Amino acid sequence: MQTIEPATKEVIFELVQAEQKKYPFSLKTKDIIEIMNCSQSQAYEALTAGKIPGAKKIDGLGWRINRDILFTWLYTKEN
């Protein structure tokens, strides 16, 4: 596993914080489509396949994704 330099970690942390402020804590599928710049079918495919960490399907509500986990994963590609 590759180690991340402290300066790089700080930059990643700042990017994640800036993005987090734009969205609610619990994201919906429409948010994933916007954030990941993908189609609705691509988003549902990734969610159903378990490729997006922090995502849970809730009966009657649909998919909910933990914002903090998603942005950390996006910027580091780690779960």
PDB file of N, CA and C in Angstrom:
ATOM      1  N   MET A   1       0.836  -1.178   0.000  1.00  0.00           N
ATOM      2  CA  MET A   1       0.000   0.000   0.000  1.00  0.00           C
ATOM      3  C   MET A   1       0.884   1.246   0.000  1.00  0.00           C
ATOM      4  N   GLN A   2       0.489   2.211  -0.772  1.00  0.00           N
ATOM      5  CA  GLN A   2       1.243   3.445  -0.895  1.00  0.00           C
ATOM      6  C   GLN A   2       0.951   4.361   0.290  1.00  0.00           C
ATOM      7  N   THR A   3       1.972   5.007   0.824  1.00  0.00           N
ATOM      8  CA  THR A   3       1.752   5.965   1.899  1.00  0.00           C
ATOM      9  C   THR A   3       1.550   7.350   1.295  1.00  0.00           C
ATOM     10  N   ILE A   4       0.764   8.146   1.977  1.00  0.00           N
ATOM     11  CA  ILE A   4       0.471   9.500   1.513  1.00  0.00           C
ATOM     12  C   ILE A   4       1.282  10.481   2.351  1.00  0.00           C
ATOM     13  N   GLU A   5       1.956  11.376   1.669  1.00  0.00           N
ATOM     14  CA  GLU A   5       2.757  12.392   2.348  1.00  0.00           C
ATOM     15  C   GLU A   5       1.864  13.296   3.199  1.00  0.00           C
ATOM     16  N   PRO A   6       2.366  13.799   4.318  1.00  0.00           N
ATOM     17  CA  PRO A   6       1.566  14.677   5.183  1.00  0.00           C
ATOM     18  C   PRO A   6       0.988  15.893   4.457  1.00  0.00           C
ATOM     19  N   ALA A   7       1.749  16.517   3.586  1.00  0.00           N
ATOM     20  CA  ALA A   7       1.251  17.691   2.857  1.00  0.00           C
ATOM     21  C   ALA A   7       0.101  17.295   1.938  1.00  0.00           C
ATOM     22  N   THR A   8       0.212  16.129   1.333  1.00  0.00           N
ATOM     23  CA  THR A   8      -0.844  15.635   0.450  1.00  0.00           C
ATOM     24  C   THR A   8      -2.097  15.324   1.255  1.00  0.00           C
ATOM     25  N   LYS A   9      -1.931  14.728   2.431  1.00  0.00           N
ATOM     26  CA  LYS A   9      -3.061  14.437   3.298  1.00  0.00           C
ATOM     27  C   LYS A   9      -3.806  15.718   3.666  1.00  0.00           C
ATOM     28  N   GLU A  10      -3.049  16.776   3.937  1.00  0.00           N
ATOM     29  CA  GLU A  10      -3.668  18.054   4.305  1.00  0.00           C
ATOM     30  C   GLU A  10      -4.487  18.618   3.145  1.00  0.00           C
ATOM     31  N   VAL A  11      -3.955  18.538   1.944  1.00  0.00           N
ATOM     32  CA  VAL A  11      -4.669  19.023   0.761  1.00  0.00           C
ATOM     33  C   VAL A  11      -5.946  18.208   0.555  1.00  0.00           C
ATOM     34  N   ILE A  12      -5.842  16.891   0.668  1.00  0.00           N
ATOM     35  CA  ILE A  12      -7.008  16.020   0.522  1.00  0.00           C
ATOM     36  C   ILE A  12      -8.063  16.370   1.570  1.00  0.00           C
ATOM     37  N   PHE A  13      -7.625  16.559   2.802  1.00  0.00           N
ATOM     38  CA  PHE A  13      -8.534  16.906   3.891  1.00  0.00           C
ATOM     39  C   PHE A  13      -9.270  18.210   3.584  1.00  0.00           C
ATOM     40  N   GLU A  14      -8.563  19.204   3.084  1.00  0.00           N
ATOM     41  CA  GLU A  14      -9.187  20.491   2.749  1.00  0.00           C
ATOM     42  C   GLU A  14     -10.176  20.351   1.603  1.00  0.00           C
ATOM     43  N   LEU A  15      -9.845  19.550   0.602  1.00  0.00           N
ATOM     44  CA  LEU A  15     -10.760  19.318  -0.519  1.00  0.00           C
ATOM     45  C   LEU A  15     -12.031  18.614  -0.057  1.00  0.00           C
ATOM     46  N   VAL A  16     -11.852  17.613   0.774  1.00  0.00           N
ATOM     47  CA  VAL A  16     -12.998  16.871   1.301  1.00  0.00           C
ATOM     48  C   VAL A  16     -13.895  17.810   2.111  1.00  0.00           C
ATOM     49  N   GLN A  17     -13.319  18.615   2.961  1.00  0.00           N
ATOM     50  CA  GLN A  17     -14.110  19.550   3.762  1.00  0.00           C
ATOM     51  C   GLN A  17     -14.881  20.542   2.897  1.00  0.00           C
ATOM     52  N   ALA A  18     -14.252  21.061   1.860  1.00  0.00           N
ATOM     53  CA  ALA A  18     -14.920  22.014   0.976  1.00  0.00           C
ATOM     54  C   ALA A  18     -16.116  21.369   0.280  1.00  0.00           C
ATOM     55  N   GLU A  19     -15.958  20.145  -0.185  1.00  0.00           N
ATOM     56  CA  GLU A  19     -17.048  19.433  -0.854  1.00  0.00           C
ATOM     57  C   GLU A  19     -18.154  19.068   0.130  1.00  0.00           C
ATOM     58  N   GLN A  20     -17.791  18.672   1.329  1.00  0.00           N
ATOM     59  CA  GLN A  20     -18.779  18.273   2.325  1.00  0.00           C
ATOM     60  C   GLN A  20     -19.745  19.407   2.649  1.00  0.00           C
ATOM     61  N   LYS A  21     -19.269  20.620   2.665  1.00  0.00           N
ATOM     62  CA  LYS A  21     -20.097  21.771   3.009  1.00  0.00           C
ATOM     63  C   LYS A  21     -21.218  21.999   1.999  1.00  0.00           C
ATOM     64  N   LYS A  22     -21.063  21.472   0.794  1.00  0.00           N
ATOM     65  CA  LYS A  22     -22.042  21.678  -0.273  1.00  0.00           C
ATOM     66  C   LYS A  22     -23.230  20.721  -0.191  1.00  0.00           C
ATOM     67  N   TYR A  23     -23.115  19.669   0.610  1.00  0.00           N
ATOM     68  CA  TYR A  23     -24.116  18.607   0.604  1.00  0.00           C
ATOM     69  C   TYR A  23     -24.547  18.221   2.015  1.00  0.00           C
ATOM     70  N   PRO A  24     -25.766  17.659   2.141  1.00  0.00           N
ATOM     71  CA  PRO A  24     -26.219  17.173   3.456  1.00  0.00           C
ATOM     72  C   PRO A  24     -25.441  15.930   3.872  1.00  0.00           C
ATOM     73  N   PHE A  25     -25.513  15.583   5.139  1.00  0.00           N
ATOM     74  CA  PHE A  25     -24.783  14.431   5.664  1.00  0.00           C
ATOM     75  C   PHE A  25     -25.202  13.131   4.971  1.00  0.00           C
ATOM     76  N   SER A  26     -26.492  12.985   4.727  1.00  0.00           N
ATOM     77  CA  SER A  26     -27.024  11.786   4.085  1.00  0.00           C
ATOM     78  C   SER A  26     -27.382  12.124   2.637  1.00  0.00           C
ATOM     79  N   LEU A  27     -26.618  11.576   1.713  1.00  0.00           N
ATOM     80  CA  LEU A  27     -26.820  11.866   0.297  1.00  0.00           C
ATOM     81  C   LEU A  27     -27.853  10.939  -0.319  1.00  0.00           C
ATOM     82  N   LYS A  28     -28.519  11.431  -1.363  1.00  0.00           N
ATOM     83  CA  LYS A  28     -29.467  10.634  -2.137  1.00  0.00           C
ATOM     84  C   LYS A  28     -28.821  10.297  -3.474  1.00  0.00           C
ATOM     85  N   THR A  29     -29.500   9.470  -4.228  1.00  0.00           N
ATOM     86  CA  THR A  29     -28.975   9.050  -5.522  1.00  0.00           C
ATOM     87  C   THR A  29     -28.738  10.252  -6.434  1.00  0.00           C
ATOM     88  N   LYS A  30     -29.633  11.237  -6.402  1.00  0.00           N
ATOM     89  CA  LYS A  30     -29.460  12.421  -7.251  1.00  0.00           C
ATOM     90  C   LYS A  30     -28.153  13.151  -6.920  1.00  0.00           C
ATOM     91  N   ASP A  31     -27.765  13.129  -5.652  1.00  0.00           N
ATOM     92  CA  ASP A  31     -26.503  13.750  -5.243  1.00  0.00           C
ATOM     93  C   ASP A  31     -25.315  12.974  -5.810  1.00  0.00           C
ATOM     94  N   ILE A  32     -25.405  11.645  -5.779  1.00  0.00           N
ATOM     95  CA  ILE A  32     -24.332  10.808  -6.319  1.00  0.00           C
ATOM     96  C   ILE A  32     -24.152  11.071  -7.807  1.00  0.00           C
ATOM     97  N   ILE A  33     -25.260  11.193  -8.524  1.00  0.00           N
ATOM     98  CA  ILE A  33     -25.206  11.472  -9.956  1.00  0.00           C
ATOM     99  C   ILE A  33     -24.483  12.789 -10.204  1.00  0.00           C
ATOM    100  N   GLU A  34     -24.792  13.796  -9.415  1.00  0.00           N
ATOM    101  CA  GLU A  34     -24.151  15.109  -9.557  1.00  0.00           C
ATOM    102  C   GLU A  34     -22.670  15.067  -9.171  1.00  0.00           C
ATOM    103  N   ILE A  35     -22.388  14.475  -8.027  1.00  0.00           N
ATOM    104  CA  ILE A  35     -21.020  14.445  -7.506  1.00  0.00           C
ATOM    105  C   ILE A  35     -20.093  13.646  -8.416  1.00  0.00           C
ATOM    106  N   MET A  36     -20.574  12.482  -8.851  1.00  0.00           N
ATOM    107  CA  MET A  36     -19.729  11.587  -9.642  1.00  0.00           C
ATOM    108  C   MET A  36     -19.852  11.828 -11.145  1.00  0.00           C
ATOM    109  N   ASN A  37     -20.727  12.782 -11.526  1.00  0.00           N
ATOM    110  CA  ASN A  37     -20.924  13.135 -12.927  1.00  0.00           C
ATOM    111  C   ASN A  37     -21.191  11.873 -13.764  1.00  0.00           C
ATOM    112  N   CYS A  38     -22.228  11.134 -13.353  1.00  0.00           N
ATOM    113  CA  CYS A  38     -22.568   9.899 -14.050  1.00  0.00           C
ATOM    114  C   CYS A  38     -24.062   9.886 -14.354  1.00  0.00           C
ATOM    115  N   SER A  39     -24.486   8.917 -15.118  1.00  0.00           N
ATOM    116  CA  SER A  39     -25.906   8.783 -15.452  1.00  0.00           C
ATOM    117  C   SER A  39     -26.630   8.103 -14.292  1.00  0.00           C
ATOM    118  N   GLN A  40     -27.945   8.164 -14.353  1.00  0.00           N
ATOM    119  CA  GLN A  40     -28.753   7.517 -13.326  1.00  0.00           C
ATOM    120  C   GLN A  40     -28.517   6.009 -13.335  1.00  0.00           C
ATOM    121  N   SER A  41     -28.447   5.415 -14.508  1.00  0.00           N
ATOM    122  CA  SER A  41     -28.235   3.965 -14.587  1.00  0.00           C
ATOM    123  C   SER A  41     -26.853   3.579 -14.061  1.00  0.00           C
ATOM    124  N   GLN A  42     -25.839   4.390 -14.321  1.00  0.00           N
ATOM    125  CA  GLN A  42     -24.498   4.113 -13.791  1.00  0.00           C
ATOM    126  C   GLN A  42     -24.475   4.197 -12.269  1.00  0.00           C
ATOM    127  N   ALA A  43     -25.182   5.185 -11.729  1.00  0.00           N
ATOM    128  CA  ALA A  43     -25.233   5.354 -10.277  1.00  0.00           C
ATOM    129  C   ALA A  43     -25.903   4.149  -9.628  1.00  0.00           C
ATOM    130  N   TYR A  44     -27.064   3.741 -10.158  1.00  0.00           N
ATOM    131  CA  TYR A  44     -27.765   2.592  -9.582  1.00  0.00           C
ATOM    132  C   TYR A  44     -26.970   1.301  -9.747  1.00  0.00           C
ATOM    133  N   GLU A  45     -26.288   1.161 -10.857  1.00  0.00           N
ATOM    134  CA  GLU A  45     -25.457  -0.025 -11.070  1.00  0.00           C
ATOM    135  C   GLU A  45     -24.351  -0.101 -10.006  1.00  0.00           C
ATOM    136  N   ALA A  46     -23.679   1.026  -9.771  1.00  0.00           N
ATOM    137  CA  ALA A  46     -22.602   1.070  -8.772  1.00  0.00           C
ATOM    138  C   ALA A  46     -23.147   0.834  -7.366  1.00  0.00           C
ATOM    139  N   LEU A  47     -24.296   1.419  -7.054  1.00  0.00           N
ATOM    140  CA  LEU A  47     -24.896   1.240  -5.732  1.00  0.00           C
ATOM    141  C   LEU A  47     -25.298  -0.217  -5.512  1.00  0.00           C
ATOM    142  N   THR A  48     -25.963  -0.791  -6.496  1.00  0.00           N
ATOM    143  CA  THR A  48     -26.425  -2.175  -6.387  1.00  0.00           C
ATOM    144  C   THR A  48     -25.258  -3.149  -6.282  1.00  0.00           C
ATOM    145  N   ALA A  49     -24.167  -2.862  -6.985  1.00  0.00           N
ATOM    146  CA  ALA A  49     -22.988  -3.741  -6.965  1.00  0.00           C
ATOM    147  C   ALA A  49     -22.132  -3.543  -5.712  1.00  0.00           C
ATOM    148  N   GLY A  50     -22.484  -2.577  -4.877  1.00  0.00           N
ATOM    149  CA  GLY A  50     -21.719  -2.332  -3.661  1.00  0.00           C
ATOM    150  C   GLY A  50     -20.394  -1.631  -3.904  1.00  0.00           C
ATOM    151  N   LYS A  51     -20.297  -0.907  -5.006  1.00  0.00           N
ATOM    152  CA  LYS A  51     -19.046  -0.235  -5.357  1.00  0.00           C
ATOM    153  C   LYS A  51     -18.871   1.116  -4.675  1.00  0.00           C
ATOM    154  N   ILE A  52     -19.923   1.623  -4.053  1.00  0.00           N
ATOM    155  CA  ILE A  52     -19.846   2.920  -3.388  1.00  0.00           C
ATOM    156  C   ILE A  52     -19.921   2.690  -1.874  1.00  0.00           C
ATOM    157  N   PRO A  53     -18.823   2.943  -1.172  1.00  0.00           N
ATOM    158  CA  PRO A  53     -18.822   2.714   0.280  1.00  0.00           C
ATOM    159  C   PRO A  53     -19.745   3.685   1.004  1.00  0.00           C
ATOM    160  N   GLY A  54     -20.295   3.223   2.093  1.00  0.00           N
ATOM    161  CA  GLY A  54     -21.172   4.072   2.897  1.00  0.00           C
ATOM    162  C   GLY A  54     -22.596   4.123   2.388  1.00  0.00           C
ATOM    163  N   ALA A  55     -22.929   3.350   1.344  1.00  0.00           N
ATOM    164  CA  ALA A  55     -24.268   3.369   0.761  1.00  0.00           C
ATOM    165  C   ALA A  55     -25.130   2.269   1.360  1.00  0.00           C
ATOM    166  N   LYS A  56     -26.381   2.626   1.673  1.00  0.00           N
ATOM    167  CA  LYS A  56     -27.343   1.655   2.206  1.00  0.00           C
ATOM    168  C   LYS A  56     -28.693   1.909   1.561  1.00  0.00           C
ATOM    169  N   LYS A  57     -29.377   0.829   1.243  1.00  0.00           N
ATOM    170  CA  LYS A  57     -30.727   0.955   0.706  1.00  0.00           C
ATOM    171  C   LYS A  57     -31.702   0.824   1.862  1.00  0.00           C
ATOM    172  N   ILE A  58     -32.544   1.839   2.021  1.00  0.00           N
ATOM    173  CA  ILE A  58     -33.495   1.885   3.120  1.00  0.00           C
ATOM    174  C   ILE A  58     -34.904   1.737   2.546  1.00  0.00           C
ATOM    175  N   ASP A  59     -35.639   0.759   3.063  1.00  0.00           N
ATOM    176  CA  ASP A  59     -37.010   0.520   2.594  1.00  0.00           C
ATOM    177  C   ASP A  59     -37.839   1.796   2.694  1.00  0.00           C
ATOM    178  N   GLY A  60     -38.514   2.112   1.618  1.00  0.00           N
ATOM    179  CA  GLY A  60     -39.383   3.278   1.583  1.00  0.00           C
ATOM    180  C   GLY A  60     -38.678   4.593   1.324  1.00  0.00           C
ATOM    181  N   LEU A  61     -37.362   4.618   1.421  1.00  0.00           N
ATOM    182  CA  LEU A  61     -36.613   5.859   1.210  1.00  0.00           C
ATOM    183  C   LEU A  61     -35.651   5.781   0.030  1.00  0.00           C
ATOM    184  N   GLY A  62     -35.225   4.598  -0.316  1.00  0.00           N
ATOM    185  CA  GLY A  62     -34.245   4.437  -1.391  1.00  0.00           C
ATOM    186  C   GLY A  62     -32.837   4.444  -0.837  1.00  0.00           C
ATOM    187  N   TRP A  63     -31.906   4.749  -1.690  1.00  0.00           N
ATOM    188  CA  TRP A  63     -30.491   4.726  -1.308  1.00  0.00           C
ATOM    189  C   TRP A  63     -30.118   5.964  -0.506  1.00  0.00           C
ATOM    190  N   ARG A  64     -29.300   5.755   0.509  1.00  0.00           N
ATOM    191  CA  ARG A  64     -28.713   6.845   1.291  1.00  0.00           C
ATOM    192  C   ARG A  64     -27.227   6.549   1.409  1.00  0.00           C
ATOM    193  N   ILE A  65     -26.439   7.590   1.209  1.00  0.00           N
ATOM    194  CA  ILE A  65     -24.987   7.430   1.194  1.00  0.00           C
ATOM    195  C   ILE A  65     -24.390   8.405   2.198  1.00  0.00           C
ATOM    196  N   ASN A  66     -23.513   7.901   3.045  1.00  0.00           N
ATOM    197  CA  ASN A  66     -22.833   8.742   4.019  1.00  0.00           C
ATOM    198  C   ASN A  66     -21.884   9.687   3.281  1.00  0.00           C
ATOM    199  N   ARG A  67     -22.138  10.963   3.400  1.00  0.00           N
ATOM    200  CA  ARG A  67     -21.374  11.996   2.707  1.00  0.00           C
ATOM    201  C   ARG A  67     -19.880  11.939   3.018  1.00  0.00           C
ATOM    202  N   ASP A  68     -19.540  11.794   4.285  1.00  0.00           N
ATOM    203  CA  ASP A  68     -18.142  11.825   4.684  1.00  0.00           C
ATOM    204  C   ASP A  68     -17.377  10.628   4.120  1.00  0.00           C
ATOM    205  N   ILE A  69     -17.996   9.471   4.176  1.00  0.00           N
ATOM    206  CA  ILE A  69     -17.353   8.274   3.628  1.00  0.00           C
ATOM    207  C   ILE A  69     -17.184   8.406   2.121  1.00  0.00           C
ATOM    208  N   LEU A  70     -18.215   8.909   1.441  1.00  0.00           N
ATOM    209  CA  LEU A  70     -18.141   9.049  -0.023  1.00  0.00           C
ATOM    210  C   LEU A  70     -17.010   9.977  -0.443  1.00  0.00           C
ATOM    211  N   PHE A  71     -16.932  11.156   0.140  1.00  0.00           N
ATOM    212  CA  PHE A  71     -15.904  12.111  -0.285  1.00  0.00           C
ATOM    213  C   PHE A  71     -14.498  11.639   0.066  1.00  0.00           C
ATOM    214  N   THR A  72     -14.353  11.004   1.215  1.00  0.00           N
ATOM    215  CA  THR A  72     -13.041  10.464   1.560  1.00  0.00           C
ATOM    216  C   THR A  72     -12.639   9.408   0.547  1.00  0.00           C
ATOM    217  N   TRP A  73     -13.572   8.535   0.189  1.00  0.00           N
ATOM    218  CA  TRP A  73     -13.306   7.491  -0.813  1.00  0.00           C
ATOM    219  C   TRP A  73     -12.977   8.101  -2.174  1.00  0.00           C
ATOM    220  N   LEU A  74     -13.740   9.093  -2.578  1.00  0.00           N
ATOM    221  CA  LEU A  74     -13.499   9.723  -3.881  1.00  0.00           C
ATOM    222  C   LEU A  74     -12.096  10.335  -3.983  1.00  0.00           C
ATOM    223  N   TYR A  75     -11.671  10.971  -2.898  1.00  0.00           N
ATOM    224  CA  TYR A  75     -10.367  11.653  -2.933  1.00  0.00           C
ATOM    225  C   TYR A  75      -9.197  10.738  -2.630  1.00  0.00           C
ATOM    226  N   THR A  76      -9.466   9.594  -2.008  1.00  0.00           N
ATOM    227  CA  THR A  76      -8.350   8.699  -1.690  1.00  0.00           C
ATOM    228  C   THR A  76      -8.478   7.334  -2.353  1.00  0.00           C
ATOM    229  N   LYS A  77      -9.695   7.023  -2.819  1.00  0.00           N
ATOM    230  CA  LYS A  77     -10.012   5.707  -3.413  1.00  0.00           C
ATOM    231  C   LYS A  77      -9.721   4.585  -2.433  1.00  0.00           C
ATOM    232  N   GLU A  78      -9.983   4.852  -1.150  1.00  0.00           N
ATOM    233  CA  GLU A  78      -9.868   3.859  -0.093  1.00  0.00           C
ATOM    234  C   GLU A  78     -11.183   3.785   0.649  1.00  0.00           C
ATOM    235  N   ASN A  79     -11.535   2.616   1.151  1.00  0.00           N
ATOM    236  CA  ASN A  79     -12.756   2.456   1.951  1.00  0.00           C
ATOM    237  C   ASN A  79     -12.460   2.738   3.416  1.00  0.00           C
TER     238      ASN A  79
END
